[in-house]
Amino acid sequence: MTASPEQRRCRDRLSRRVTGLFGSDGLVRAPVESRVLESSLLLVLVDDLVPAHRARDRLARYLKHTLDTAPPDGVQVAVARAALDGGAAGAAGVDAELDRFGHFTAARKRLMFRTLLAALGAVPWPRVSWDSYAARGEQSWLQVEMTALKAVAAHGRGCPERITDAEWSTLETVACGERIWEGNHLARLMALLALRHHPVLRAAAVRGTEHTVRHLRADGGLPFITGMDVFTTALAGLALTATGQTEHPVLDAAARALAALQHDDGGFGFTRGVLQSDTDDTAYCLEFLRACAPGRYAETVRRAEDFLLAQQNDDGGFPTFAHGVASERTMTAAAVNALAPSLRCRPALTYALRHLTDPDRLALPPESSWSRNTTNAVFRTVLACRAVGSPPGATAPLRERMLGHLTAGRRGDGGYGHGGAEPSDPISTAYAAVALAHMPHGAPGAATALRGAVDFLVAHQRPDGGFTSVPDQAGPRPLLYDAPALADVCVLLGLAHALDCVPSEPGGTPVPGGAGRTPGPGGTGRTPGAAE
């Protein structure tokens, strides 16, 4: 059967709302909400460098209100209490939070946050080698953050000679420009924390702090990054094309805007003004441009493919930022989805599929990565299995593993959450719906779970047609941050896929709900290579 009238009304109302998110410049404006970590660090800087500034009271009120009404994770709570109470905190919350974070970056994150707490007087300085702060070959802002932390620790441990003139120069450039370097408030704040201890550059830290307080949000807090305009535009474009709206004028404008933001290396960053390319944003932009008008953007598509191919590691997997950094399964699936329609990329895809189906990796649970939802990793992996077009047996164990995760994680209300006992939320559920919609015919429990997920989403639509969800994105992983526009965009993506495949009864045959339309390999509603 086709989707019910109620389900279609839900999707169509949301689709109209998402088209309204696109600005006159072709991009979706996707600002990020205030966060406790950055607000706490800025409060420390204001107290030290510009104590009479009126921003001081706004920051303190934001932090106290948030801790009282909606406290975040233990890491941010510890930093906030240290900032508010002059160091009266401890690292127990940090360790407890990071102990649950089974990730290759966990040791570095523990060092990062323990160093920050030490700088706030809450814990002793970490007694580690200075090389522990190195981040060679990593993304640009991580290199800056670790350099800043090294400088902070060098001051605290009485070893200022450990920081070179070149390192101080880099920190000054990041901290004191007129724009927020790489759209990253956290990197700037860490640089300012270091500069305030330099006998000459302290004056620059004062200027940088005064500039930063201009970016406070209406609630008195500061966000992690300036926005996610590129990421959200590409994802919104994919969601709309999956509903069959390939000719909508906002998509043509969005494609032009994104193509103009491609970096010299062929990649894309998460928002305008960011020069660091990454696999995640490049994959989504590549998928959207190919779905929207592959002929018109052939050169842009080719260059994006080249960027992704250059990212692939020797183990067949893909990292987020730089070749040679640890491969990530979710990023590998993202790259597969983006590269699958290209015949010249088939050898790389074969290698990537071996990475994803390696028995040792199959034994691991799906990743919680840049999205804290494991259902994000699941849906991208399921689409990757579908995109490569390999014999079903080659990807069957991987699909079965993903379905088992969805079956075990389904909540009583039909929805999905971040994990553990956390309640269902629309974004997690939307991701699951995409995966469930593309499970093989007859997959045990998939039809029932898909209907439950769609019913959950329909029931949670607001009167204005939009959705409210818990934060989905993480950075630095595993700390959450909220880009509210993603709730509408991600739910539309989920409904666009699910309502093509809503089964009539348990075990029933999924029937396309879009005039025979089927989503393309990358999750779009357009056949790759179709005429513009």
Protein backbone atom coordinates (compact mmCIF):
# COMPACT_ATOMS: atom_id res chain seq x y z
CA MET A 1 0.00 0.00 0.00
CA THR A 2 1.02 3.60 -0.39
CA ALA A 3 1.56 5.90 2.58
CA SER A 4 -1.52 7.11 4.37
CA PRO A 5 -2.91 10.60 3.69
CA GLU A 6 -1.81 11.63 7.20
CA GLN A 7 1.75 10.51 6.54
CA ARG A 8 1.87 12.33 3.23
CA ARG A 9 0.48 15.51 4.77
CA CYS A 10 3.18 15.32 7.43
CA ARG A 11 5.92 14.95 4.82
CA ASP A 12 4.54 17.63 2.50
CA ARG A 13 4.09 20.20 5.28
CA LEU A 14 7.65 19.56 6.39
CA SER A 15 8.91 19.76 2.81
CA ARG A 16 7.39 23.23 2.41
CA ARG A 17 9.01 24.28 5.67
CA VAL A 18 12.45 23.04 4.58
CA THR A 19 12.25 24.88 1.25
CA GLY A 20 11.66 28.02 3.30
CA LEU A 21 14.98 27.55 5.10
CA PHE A 22 17.01 28.44 2.00
CA GLY A 23 18.20 32.04 1.90
CA SER A 24 18.54 34.40 -1.04
CA ASP A 25 22.20 33.34 -1.35
CA GLY A 26 21.15 29.72 -1.92
CA LEU A 27 22.32 28.41 1.45
CA VAL A 28 20.40 27.27 4.49
CA ARG A 29 21.36 29.40 7.45
CA ALA A 30 22.07 26.91 10.24
CA PRO A 31 23.37 28.72 13.33
CA VAL A 32 24.48 26.74 16.36
CA GLU A 33 23.04 27.33 19.83
CA SER A 34 25.05 28.50 22.83
CA ARG A 35 27.04 25.86 24.67
CA VAL A 36 28.33 25.64 28.22
CA LEU A 37 31.95 24.79 27.38
CA GLU A 38 32.67 27.84 25.24
CA SER A 39 30.64 30.14 27.48
CA SER A 40 32.63 28.99 30.50
CA LEU A 41 36.00 29.59 28.83
CA LEU A 42 34.91 33.03 27.69
CA LEU A 43 33.80 33.87 31.25
CA VAL A 44 37.29 32.98 32.49
CA LEU A 45 38.83 35.25 29.87
CA VAL A 46 36.49 38.14 30.66
CA ASP A 47 37.16 37.81 34.39
CA ASP A 48 40.90 37.94 33.78
CA LEU A 49 41.24 40.40 30.90
CA VAL A 50 38.18 42.69 30.87
CA PRO A 51 36.50 42.16 34.27
CA ALA A 52 34.30 45.27 34.02
CA HIS A 53 32.78 44.22 30.70
CA ARG A 54 28.98 43.93 30.74
CA ALA A 55 29.23 40.51 29.05
CA ARG A 56 30.44 39.09 32.36
CA ASP A 57 26.98 39.11 33.95
CA ARG A 58 25.31 37.77 30.81
CA LEU A 59 27.70 34.81 30.64
CA ALA A 60 27.32 34.03 34.33
CA ARG A 61 23.52 34.13 34.11
CA TYR A 62 23.52 31.85 31.08
CA LEU A 63 25.76 29.31 32.79
CA LYS A 64 23.88 29.29 36.10
CA HIS A 65 20.51 28.99 34.36
CA THR A 66 21.70 26.15 32.12
CA LEU A 67 23.30 24.22 34.97
CA ASP A 68 20.08 24.57 36.97
CA THR A 69 17.61 23.71 34.21
CA ALA A 70 19.38 21.62 31.55
CA PRO A 71 22.85 20.54 32.66
CA PRO A 72 24.94 19.05 29.84
CA ASP A 73 27.51 16.25 30.06
CA GLY A 74 29.92 15.86 32.95
CA VAL A 75 32.82 17.43 31.05
CA GLN A 76 31.04 20.72 30.48
CA VAL A 77 29.54 20.79 33.96
CA ALA A 78 33.03 20.42 35.49
CA VAL A 79 34.42 23.25 33.35
CA ALA A 80 31.44 25.50 34.11
CA ARG A 81 31.66 24.97 37.85
CA ALA A 82 35.38 25.71 37.76
CA ALA A 83 34.73 28.92 35.81
CA LEU A 84 31.94 30.05 38.13
CA ASP A 85 33.49 28.96 41.42
CA GLY A 86 37.09 29.91 40.83
CA GLY A 87 38.42 26.39 40.47
CA ALA A 88 36.23 24.54 42.98
CA ALA A 89 35.68 21.50 40.78
CA GLY A 90 37.21 18.17 39.96
CA ALA A 91 37.77 15.83 37.05
CA ALA A 92 35.42 13.03 38.13
CA GLY A 93 32.78 14.15 35.63
CA VAL A 94 35.35 14.33 32.85
CA ASP A 95 36.62 10.81 33.45
CA ALA A 96 33.14 9.35 33.80
CA GLU A 97 32.00 10.95 30.55
CA LEU A 98 35.05 9.95 28.55
CA ASP A 99 35.14 6.42 29.96
CA ARG A 100 31.89 5.87 28.04
CA PHE A 101 33.47 7.17 24.85
CA GLY A 102 35.00 4.18 23.10
CA HIS A 103 36.85 6.07 20.39
CA PHE A 104 40.38 6.37 19.07
CA THR A 105 40.49 10.01 20.19
CA ALA A 106 39.48 9.36 23.81
CA ALA A 107 43.00 9.64 25.29
CA ARG A 108 43.57 12.98 23.57
CA LYS A 109 40.20 14.28 24.77
CA ARG A 110 41.03 13.29 28.33
CA LEU A 111 44.29 15.24 28.08
CA MET A 112 42.50 18.20 26.51
CA PHE A 113 39.88 18.58 29.21
CA ARG A 114 42.19 17.80 32.12
CA THR A 115 44.53 20.53 30.86
CA LEU A 116 41.64 22.98 30.63
CA LEU A 117 40.53 22.13 34.17
CA ALA A 118 44.09 22.55 35.40
CA ALA A 119 44.22 25.98 33.77
CA LEU A 120 41.07 26.85 35.72
CA GLY A 121 42.67 25.66 38.97
CA ALA A 122 40.40 22.65 39.38
CA VAL A 123 42.88 19.77 39.07
CA PRO A 124 46.68 19.27 39.03
CA TRP A 125 48.51 19.67 35.74
CA PRO A 126 48.70 16.47 33.71
CA ARG A 127 52.24 15.10 33.99
CA VAL A 128 52.69 13.96 30.42
CA SER A 129 55.42 14.39 27.85
CA TRP A 130 55.23 17.54 25.75
CA ASP A 131 54.86 15.36 22.66
CA SER A 132 51.47 14.29 24.02
CA TYR A 133 50.15 17.65 22.84
CA ALA A 134 51.29 17.09 19.24
CA ALA A 135 48.61 16.84 16.55
CA ARG A 136 50.70 16.51 13.42
CA GLY A 137 48.69 15.70 10.30
CA GLU A 138 45.36 16.41 11.99
CA GLN A 139 42.75 19.01 11.03
CA SER A 140 43.76 22.66 11.29
CA TRP A 141 41.79 23.58 14.41
CA LEU A 142 42.91 20.52 16.35
CA GLN A 143 46.53 21.47 15.72
CA VAL A 144 45.78 24.97 17.04
CA GLU A 145 43.89 23.66 20.07
CA MET A 146 46.65 21.28 21.08
CA THR A 147 49.31 23.97 20.58
CA ALA A 148 47.28 26.29 22.79
CA LEU A 149 46.89 23.62 25.47
CA LYS A 150 50.62 22.94 25.35
CA ALA A 151 51.26 26.67 25.87
CA VAL A 152 48.81 26.78 28.77
CA ALA A 153 50.45 23.73 30.35
CA ALA A 154 53.95 25.14 29.76
CA HIS A 155 52.97 28.25 31.73
CA GLY A 156 51.34 26.22 34.49
CA ARG A 157 54.29 23.86 34.80
CA GLY A 158 56.86 26.65 34.71
CA CYS A 159 58.32 25.76 31.31
CA PRO A 160 57.42 28.68 28.99
CA GLU A 161 60.50 28.00 26.86
CA ARG A 162 58.69 24.95 25.44
CA ILE A 163 56.68 27.22 23.12
CA THR A 164 58.40 28.54 20.01
CA ASP A 165 57.97 31.97 18.45
CA ALA A 166 56.25 30.31 15.47
CA GLU A 167 53.72 28.68 17.78
CA TRP A 168 52.97 31.98 19.52
CA SER A 169 52.55 33.62 16.12
CA THR A 170 50.03 30.98 15.05
CA LEU A 171 48.03 31.41 18.23
CA GLU A 172 47.98 35.19 17.80
CA THR A 173 46.71 34.86 14.23
CA VAL A 174 43.89 32.55 15.31
CA ALA A 175 42.88 34.57 18.34
CA CYS A 176 42.97 38.12 17.09
CA GLY A 177 41.57 38.27 13.56
CA GLU A 178 38.44 40.21 12.70
CA ARG A 179 36.60 37.03 11.77
CA ILE A 180 36.25 33.86 13.77
CA TRP A 181 39.06 31.71 12.40
CA GLU A 182 37.66 28.59 10.67
CA GLY A 183 34.28 29.42 12.21
CA ASN A 184 35.56 27.80 15.41
CA HIS A 185 34.96 29.68 18.65
CA LEU A 186 36.53 26.91 20.74
CA ALA A 187 39.87 27.09 18.91
CA ARG A 188 39.93 30.87 19.32
CA LEU A 189 39.12 30.64 23.03
CA MET A 190 41.92 28.14 23.64
CA ALA A 191 44.36 30.39 21.80
CA LEU A 192 43.26 33.34 23.96
CA LEU A 193 43.72 31.28 27.14
CA ALA A 194 47.33 30.74 26.10
CA LEU A 195 48.04 34.30 24.91
CA ARG A 196 46.92 35.87 28.19
CA HIS A 197 50.07 34.43 29.84
CA HIS A 198 52.48 35.91 27.27
CA PRO A 199 54.15 39.12 28.52
CA VAL A 200 53.80 40.86 25.16
CA LEU A 201 50.77 39.18 23.61
CA ARG A 202 48.48 39.63 26.61
CA ALA A 203 47.32 42.93 25.05
CA ALA A 204 46.33 41.00 21.92
CA ALA A 205 44.38 38.58 24.13
CA VAL A 206 42.44 41.52 25.55
CA ARG A 207 41.49 42.67 22.04
CA GLY A 208 40.56 39.13 21.00
CA THR A 209 38.35 38.69 24.05
CA GLU A 210 36.58 42.00 23.42
CA HIS A 211 35.92 40.90 19.84
CA THR A 212 34.65 37.49 20.88
CA VAL A 213 32.01 38.81 23.29
CA ARG A 214 30.33 40.48 20.31
CA HIS A 215 29.28 36.99 19.23
CA LEU A 216 27.20 36.21 22.32
CA ARG A 217 23.75 34.87 21.55
CA ALA A 218 20.53 36.37 22.88
CA ASP A 219 20.61 33.93 25.81
CA GLY A 220 24.01 35.28 26.91
CA GLY A 221 26.03 32.26 25.83
CA LEU A 222 28.55 31.50 23.10
CA PRO A 223 28.29 28.61 20.59
CA PHE A 224 30.94 26.07 19.64
CA ILE A 225 31.07 27.10 15.97
CA THR A 226 29.50 29.88 13.93
CA GLY A 227 27.15 27.62 11.99
CA MET A 228 26.70 24.59 9.72
CA ASP A 229 25.44 26.27 6.57
CA VAL A 230 27.21 24.10 3.99
CA PHE A 231 26.51 20.80 5.75
CA THR A 232 22.84 21.63 6.31
CA THR A 233 22.31 22.98 2.78
CA ALA A 234 23.66 19.81 1.19
CA LEU A 235 21.61 17.58 3.48
CA ALA A 236 18.46 19.65 2.92
CA GLY A 237 19.05 19.42 -0.82
CA LEU A 238 19.31 15.64 -0.60
CA ALA A 239 16.14 15.48 1.47
CA LEU A 240 14.18 17.55 -1.04
CA THR A 241 15.46 15.62 -4.04
CA ALA A 242 14.46 12.41 -2.27
CA THR A 243 10.90 13.73 -2.17
CA GLY A 244 10.98 14.18 -5.94
CA GLN A 245 11.38 17.97 -5.97
CA THR A 246 14.41 17.98 -8.24
CA GLU A 247 13.10 20.97 -10.22
CA HIS A 248 12.38 23.21 -7.23
CA PRO A 249 14.15 26.57 -7.79
CA VAL A 250 15.78 26.57 -4.35
CA LEU A 251 17.78 23.49 -5.34
CA ASP A 252 19.29 25.14 -8.40
CA ALA A 253 20.33 28.12 -6.28
CA ALA A 254 21.70 25.82 -3.58
CA ALA A 255 23.76 23.86 -6.08
CA ARG A 256 25.27 27.06 -7.50
CA ALA A 257 26.08 28.32 -4.02
CA LEU A 258 27.71 25.07 -2.91
CA ALA A 259 29.73 24.68 -6.10
CA ALA A 260 31.11 28.18 -5.57
CA LEU A 261 32.31 27.17 -2.09
CA GLN A 262 34.41 24.20 -3.25
CA HIS A 263 37.97 24.43 -1.95
CA ASP A 264 41.12 24.32 -4.04
CA ASP A 265 41.70 20.71 -2.94
CA GLY A 266 38.26 19.70 -4.26
CA GLY A 267 36.71 19.28 -0.84
CA PHE A 268 34.14 21.21 1.17
CA GLY A 269 34.00 22.50 4.74
CA PHE A 270 31.10 22.62 7.19
CA THR A 271 30.17 26.28 6.69
CA ARG A 272 31.09 29.35 4.65
CA GLY A 273 34.51 30.81 5.37
CA VAL A 274 35.98 27.50 6.57
CA LEU A 275 39.03 26.33 4.61
CA GLN A 276 39.47 22.87 6.16
CA SER A 277 37.98 20.21 3.89
CA ASP A 278 36.53 16.99 5.26
CA THR A 279 35.06 13.72 4.07
CA ASP A 280 31.65 14.22 5.64
CA ASP A 281 30.77 17.56 4.05
CA THR A 282 32.41 16.68 0.75
CA ALA A 283 30.42 13.45 0.51
CA TYR A 284 27.09 15.19 1.12
CA CYS A 285 27.91 18.05 -1.28
CA LEU A 286 29.04 15.61 -3.96
CA GLU A 287 25.86 13.55 -3.61
CA PHE A 288 23.66 16.61 -3.85
CA LEU A 289 25.44 18.19 -6.83
CA ARG A 290 25.33 14.92 -8.72
CA ALA A 291 21.64 14.47 -7.91
CA CYS A 292 20.71 18.04 -8.79
CA ALA A 293 22.51 18.55 -12.08
CA PRO A 294 25.40 16.14 -12.74
CA GLY A 295 26.17 17.47 -16.21
CA ARG A 296 26.28 21.11 -15.20
CA TYR A 297 28.60 20.43 -12.28
CA ALA A 298 30.71 17.70 -13.90
CA GLU A 299 34.02 19.41 -13.10
CA THR A 300 32.98 20.17 -9.51
CA VAL A 301 31.91 16.54 -9.12
CA ARG A 302 35.17 15.23 -10.55
CA ARG A 303 37.26 17.39 -8.22
CA ALA A 304 35.20 16.31 -5.20
CA GLU A 305 35.70 12.68 -6.21
CA ASP A 306 39.43 13.26 -6.47
CA PHE A 307 39.48 14.75 -2.98
CA LEU A 308 37.73 11.70 -1.53
CA LEU A 309 39.92 9.26 -3.42
CA ALA A 310 43.00 10.99 -2.02
CA GLN A 311 41.58 10.58 1.49
CA GLN A 312 41.35 6.79 1.32
CA ASN A 313 43.75 5.04 3.68
CA ASP A 314 45.78 1.91 3.04
CA ASP A 315 43.23 -0.19 4.97
CA GLY A 316 40.51 0.84 2.48
CA GLY A 317 38.74 3.09 4.95
CA PHE A 318 38.32 6.84 5.00
CA PRO A 319 39.22 9.31 7.75
CA THR A 320 37.30 12.52 8.40
CA PHE A 321 40.00 15.09 7.69
CA ALA A 322 43.33 13.79 6.45
CA HIS A 323 44.82 10.76 4.76
CA GLY A 324 46.82 8.74 7.28
CA VAL A 325 44.60 9.53 10.26
CA ALA A 326 42.57 6.59 11.57
CA SER A 327 39.81 5.36 9.26
CA GLU A 328 36.24 5.67 10.47
CA ARG A 329 33.44 3.34 9.41
CA THR A 330 30.83 6.07 9.14
CA MET A 331 33.09 8.22 6.98
CA THR A 332 33.91 5.19 4.87
CA ALA A 333 30.22 4.55 4.26
CA ALA A 334 29.73 8.24 3.46
CA ALA A 335 32.50 8.14 0.86
CA VAL A 336 31.07 4.97 -0.69
CA ASN A 337 27.65 6.60 -1.08
CA ALA A 338 29.19 9.64 -2.75
CA LEU A 339 31.55 7.74 -5.07
CA ALA A 340 29.33 4.81 -6.05
CA PRO A 341 27.84 6.28 -9.24
CA SER A 342 31.31 6.92 -10.72
CA LEU A 343 32.74 4.06 -12.76
CA ARG A 344 36.29 5.35 -12.33
CA CYS A 345 35.93 5.02 -8.56
CA ARG A 346 34.92 1.33 -8.56
CA PRO A 347 38.34 -0.01 -7.45
CA ALA A 348 38.32 2.32 -4.45
CA LEU A 349 34.78 1.22 -3.61
CA THR A 350 35.74 -2.45 -3.66
CA TYR A 351 38.54 -1.71 -1.23
CA ALA A 352 36.23 0.35 0.99
CA LEU A 353 33.64 -2.43 1.05
CA ARG A 354 36.28 -4.86 2.29
CA HIS A 355 37.00 -2.40 5.09
CA LEU A 356 33.34 -2.23 6.10
CA THR A 357 32.78 -5.99 5.93
CA ASP A 358 35.96 -7.01 7.73
CA PRO A 359 34.91 -9.60 10.36
CA ASP A 360 36.68 -7.78 13.19
CA ARG A 361 34.80 -4.57 12.38
CA LEU A 362 31.52 -6.42 11.98
CA ALA A 363 31.86 -7.53 15.59
CA LEU A 364 31.90 -3.91 16.76
CA PRO A 365 28.74 -1.89 17.46
CA PRO A 366 27.97 0.96 15.03
CA GLU A 367 29.97 4.10 15.65
CA SER A 368 28.84 7.11 17.60
CA SER A 369 30.87 9.75 15.84
CA TRP A 370 30.22 13.29 14.55
CA SER A 371 26.60 12.39 15.04
CA ARG A 372 26.06 11.00 18.52
CA ASN A 373 23.32 8.78 17.08
CA THR A 374 24.47 5.31 16.15
CA THR A 375 21.49 5.27 13.79
CA ASN A 376 23.40 7.78 11.66
CA ALA A 377 26.17 5.25 11.16
CA VAL A 378 23.57 2.58 10.49
CA PHE A 379 21.68 4.42 7.76
CA ARG A 380 24.81 5.46 5.94
CA THR A 381 26.16 1.92 6.11
CA VAL A 382 22.90 0.43 4.80
CA LEU A 383 22.85 2.91 1.91
CA ALA A 384 26.48 2.07 1.17
CA CYS A 385 25.62 -1.62 0.92
CA ARG A 386 22.87 -0.73 -1.52
CA ALA A 387 25.01 1.72 -3.48
CA VAL A 388 27.88 -0.60 -4.36
CA GLY A 389 25.56 -3.03 -6.14
CA SER A 390 27.65 -6.03 -5.09
CA PRO A 391 26.14 -9.51 -4.98
CA PRO A 392 23.74 -9.57 -2.01
CA GLY A 393 25.84 -12.16 -0.21
CA ALA A 394 28.83 -9.81 -0.05
CA THR A 395 27.03 -7.31 2.17
CA ALA A 396 24.47 -9.59 3.83
CA PRO A 397 26.37 -9.97 7.13
CA LEU A 398 26.81 -6.19 7.36
CA ARG A 399 23.12 -5.53 6.67
CA GLU A 400 22.12 -8.16 9.19
CA ARG A 401 24.36 -6.55 11.78
CA MET A 402 22.75 -3.16 11.15
CA LEU A 403 19.24 -4.62 11.32
CA GLY A 404 20.08 -6.37 14.59
CA HIS A 405 21.21 -3.06 16.05
CA LEU A 406 17.98 -1.36 14.98
CA THR A 407 15.86 -4.19 16.34
CA ALA A 408 17.61 -4.09 19.71
CA GLY A 409 17.53 -0.29 19.92
CA ARG A 410 13.87 0.27 19.11
CA ARG A 411 11.94 1.95 21.91
CA GLY A 412 8.45 1.06 23.05
CA ASP A 413 7.02 4.15 21.35
CA GLY A 414 8.41 3.04 17.99
CA GLY A 415 11.20 5.61 18.01
CA TYR A 416 14.96 5.57 18.51
CA GLY A 417 17.29 7.51 20.79
CA HIS A 418 20.99 8.17 21.20
CA GLY A 419 21.60 4.94 23.06
CA GLY A 420 21.19 3.26 26.39
CA ALA A 421 18.08 4.41 28.18
CA GLU A 422 17.87 7.80 26.46
CA PRO A 423 14.35 8.48 25.14
CA SER A 424 13.31 8.50 21.51
CA ASP A 425 13.92 11.66 19.50
CA PRO A 426 13.01 12.68 15.94
CA ILE A 427 16.53 12.84 14.46
CA SER A 428 17.60 9.42 15.75
CA THR A 429 14.30 7.98 14.55
CA ALA A 430 14.59 9.61 11.12
CA TYR A 431 18.02 8.09 10.59
CA ALA A 432 16.66 4.68 11.55
CA ALA A 433 13.77 5.12 9.12
CA VAL A 434 16.18 5.61 6.22
CA ALA A 435 17.99 2.38 7.09
CA LEU A 436 14.82 0.38 7.64
CA ALA A 437 13.38 1.56 4.32
CA HIS A 438 16.29 -0.03 2.48
CA MET A 439 16.49 -3.35 4.26
CA PRO A 440 16.06 -6.37 1.95
CA HIS A 441 12.52 -7.60 1.36
CA GLY A 442 11.50 -9.95 4.14
CA ALA A 443 14.16 -8.82 6.61
CA PRO A 444 12.82 -9.94 10.02
CA GLY A 445 11.12 -7.15 11.91
CA ALA A 446 12.09 -4.40 9.46
CA ALA A 447 8.57 -3.71 8.22
CA THR A 448 7.12 -3.41 11.71
CA ALA A 449 9.99 -1.23 12.88
CA LEU A 450 9.65 1.05 9.84
CA ARG A 451 5.94 1.59 10.44
CA GLY A 452 6.63 2.35 14.09
CA ALA A 453 9.32 4.86 13.21
CA VAL A 454 7.08 6.66 10.72
CA ASP A 455 4.21 6.74 13.22
CA PHE A 456 6.54 8.22 15.85
CA LEU A 457 7.64 10.98 13.48
CA VAL A 458 4.11 11.84 12.39
CA ALA A 459 3.01 12.04 16.03
CA HIS A 460 5.80 14.46 16.92
CA GLN A 461 5.28 17.04 14.18
CA ARG A 462 4.64 20.50 15.60
CA PRO A 463 1.57 22.52 14.57
CA ASP A 464 3.82 24.71 12.38
CA GLY A 465 4.99 21.63 10.46
CA GLY A 466 8.46 21.50 12.00
CA PHE A 467 10.22 19.24 14.50
CA THR A 468 12.13 19.69 17.73
CA SER A 469 14.84 17.21 18.64
CA VAL A 470 17.71 16.78 21.04
CA PRO A 471 21.15 17.83 19.74
CA ASP A 472 22.64 15.42 17.24
CA GLN A 473 26.10 16.69 16.32
CA ALA A 474 29.24 16.21 18.42
CA GLY A 475 32.47 18.19 18.53
CA PRO A 476 34.95 17.87 19.99
CA ARG A 477 33.62 14.33 20.14
CA PRO A 478 31.71 13.29 22.26
CA LEU A 479 30.37 16.71 23.35
CA LEU A 480 27.00 17.57 21.83
CA TYR A 481 26.10 20.85 20.18
CA ASP A 482 22.77 21.91 18.73
CA ALA A 483 22.01 23.15 15.21
CA PRO A 484 18.18 23.35 15.39
CA ALA A 485 17.68 23.44 11.60
CA LEU A 486 18.90 19.84 11.42
CA ALA A 487 15.75 18.54 13.09
CA ASP A 488 13.53 19.52 10.16
CA VAL A 489 16.10 18.54 7.54
CA CYS A 490 16.90 15.11 8.99
CA VAL A 491 13.26 14.20 9.57
CA LEU A 492 12.41 15.14 5.98
CA LEU A 493 15.23 12.89 4.78
CA GLY A 494 13.83 10.05 6.87
CA LEU A 495 10.25 10.51 5.69
CA ALA A 496 11.32 10.89 2.07
CA HIS A 497 12.94 7.46 2.15
CA ALA A 498 10.42 5.76 4.41
CA LEU A 499 7.30 6.86 2.55
CA ASP A 500 8.58 5.26 -0.61
CA CYS A 501 8.66 1.94 1.20
CA VAL A 502 5.80 1.83 3.71
CA PRO A 503 4.63 -1.81 3.74
CA SER A 504 0.94 -2.67 3.89
CA GLU A 505 1.29 -5.31 6.59
CA PRO A 506 3.99 -7.19 8.44
CA GLY A 507 6.16 -8.84 5.84
CA GLY A 508 4.29 -7.06 3.05
CA THR A 509 6.01 -5.88 -0.08
CA PRO A 510 7.23 -2.27 0.08
CA VAL A 511 5.47 -0.23 -2.58
CA PRO A 512 7.04 2.94 -3.97
CA GLY A 513 5.06 5.97 -2.89
CA GLY A 514 6.42 8.48 -5.35
CA ALA A 515 4.98 7.68 -8.77
CA GLY A 516 7.40 4.82 -9.25
CA ARG A 517 10.34 6.87 -8.10
CA THR A 518 13.15 5.12 -6.28
CA PRO A 519 15.91 6.84 -4.35
CA GLY A 520 19.29 6.89 -6.03
CA PRO A 521 22.37 5.26 -4.50
CA GLY A 522 23.41 8.30 -2.54
CA GLY A 523 20.03 8.67 -0.92
CA THR A 524 18.51 11.02 -3.47
CA GLY A 525 15.40 10.68 -5.55
CA ARG A 526 17.17 11.10 -8.88
CA THR A 527 18.75 8.42 -10.99
CA PRO A 528 22.50 9.08 -11.28
CA GLY A 529 23.39 10.33 -14.71
CA ALA A 530 19.86 11.46 -15.53
CA ALA A 531 19.53 14.47 -17.78
CA GLU A 532 19.43 17.86 -16.12
